C-alpha cells in the first residue's frame, strides 16, 4: 500500500516568553494563505500549519522546514513559534482578537465512543495544540484505510507517544484529552477524488518536534499493516493508557502487542 502523509500542526506564538494570540494574522481556517499547497492560518489563538502531503519521510521533513520558515516570516518582530501542547492566555490577550475564542474544529469520530462533539465554548483561558496526521492512499476506503485502523494507529503511534513524547507535559496532555484529542479520535477523509484516507487526531503538537518524518512514516506503515482484530482484545486498555497518559500501562501494552503480532 503506497501512502502519503500530510501534517496539521498547531503552534503557539510567544513574545517575551509569553503566549500571544494571532491578532496580527488575517488568515483564517475558512480563508487561509496558500503557498505551494501549504496552508497558513490562525486556529483560535494558535498558528496552524496545514502541510501538503509527502510520499517519503525526507520529503515530509523538508516540507515542514520550508513551511515553518514561511510561517516565521509572517510573525511580528520579537515573536517566535513554539511547539507545546497548550498555552494559557491572559484575559487581555484573548480580548485582543475575537477569533481567539472561536472553536475552530468541528465534531470528529471516536473509535471507542462514537461521535465526539466539540464543547460550545472554551471553559477557561487555556488553549490546546494538536498534531493531526493525514494519511492517504490511492485506493477506496474498502480497499485501504478503514475506521478500525484508528485502533492500530493508537496501538503503534499513540502508545509510542505516551511512552516517548508526552511525559514531560503529562498534566497538560491529560487536560487536553478531556476536551479533544482522545485515543481513537479520527476523521475519514477524501483528500482528492483519487486519494482517500484518515486524519488521526490523538497526538499533541509537542509530539512532532520529538520525531522525524522517516520515523513517522515507519510507524504509520507498521500500524496500517496490523490486522485490527489482533489488536481489538486490548482496545479499552489502549484507550485508557492514552487518555490518562499512563506510562507504565503504555509500556506493558506495547510489549504485549509486540509479542502477539511477532
Foldseek 3Di string as FASTA:
>chain_A
DFKKKKKKWWWFKDAPNATAFVLLFPAAPVRFDADPNWTWHGAQRTIIITFDIDRAQVVRQVRVVVSLVVVVVSDDPRMHIDQDFKHFDDPVRSVSDVSNWDHRDAWWAAPVPGIDGADPTDPHRMDGIWMKMWMKDQDDCVVFPDLLLLLLCLLQVLLCCLQPPPPVPQVSLLVVVVGPLARRTKHWDDPDVRMTTMIRINGGRRSVVVDTSNVVVVRSVSSRPDDSVLSVVCRVLSRVCRNNSPNVSSVVSNVVSVVSVD
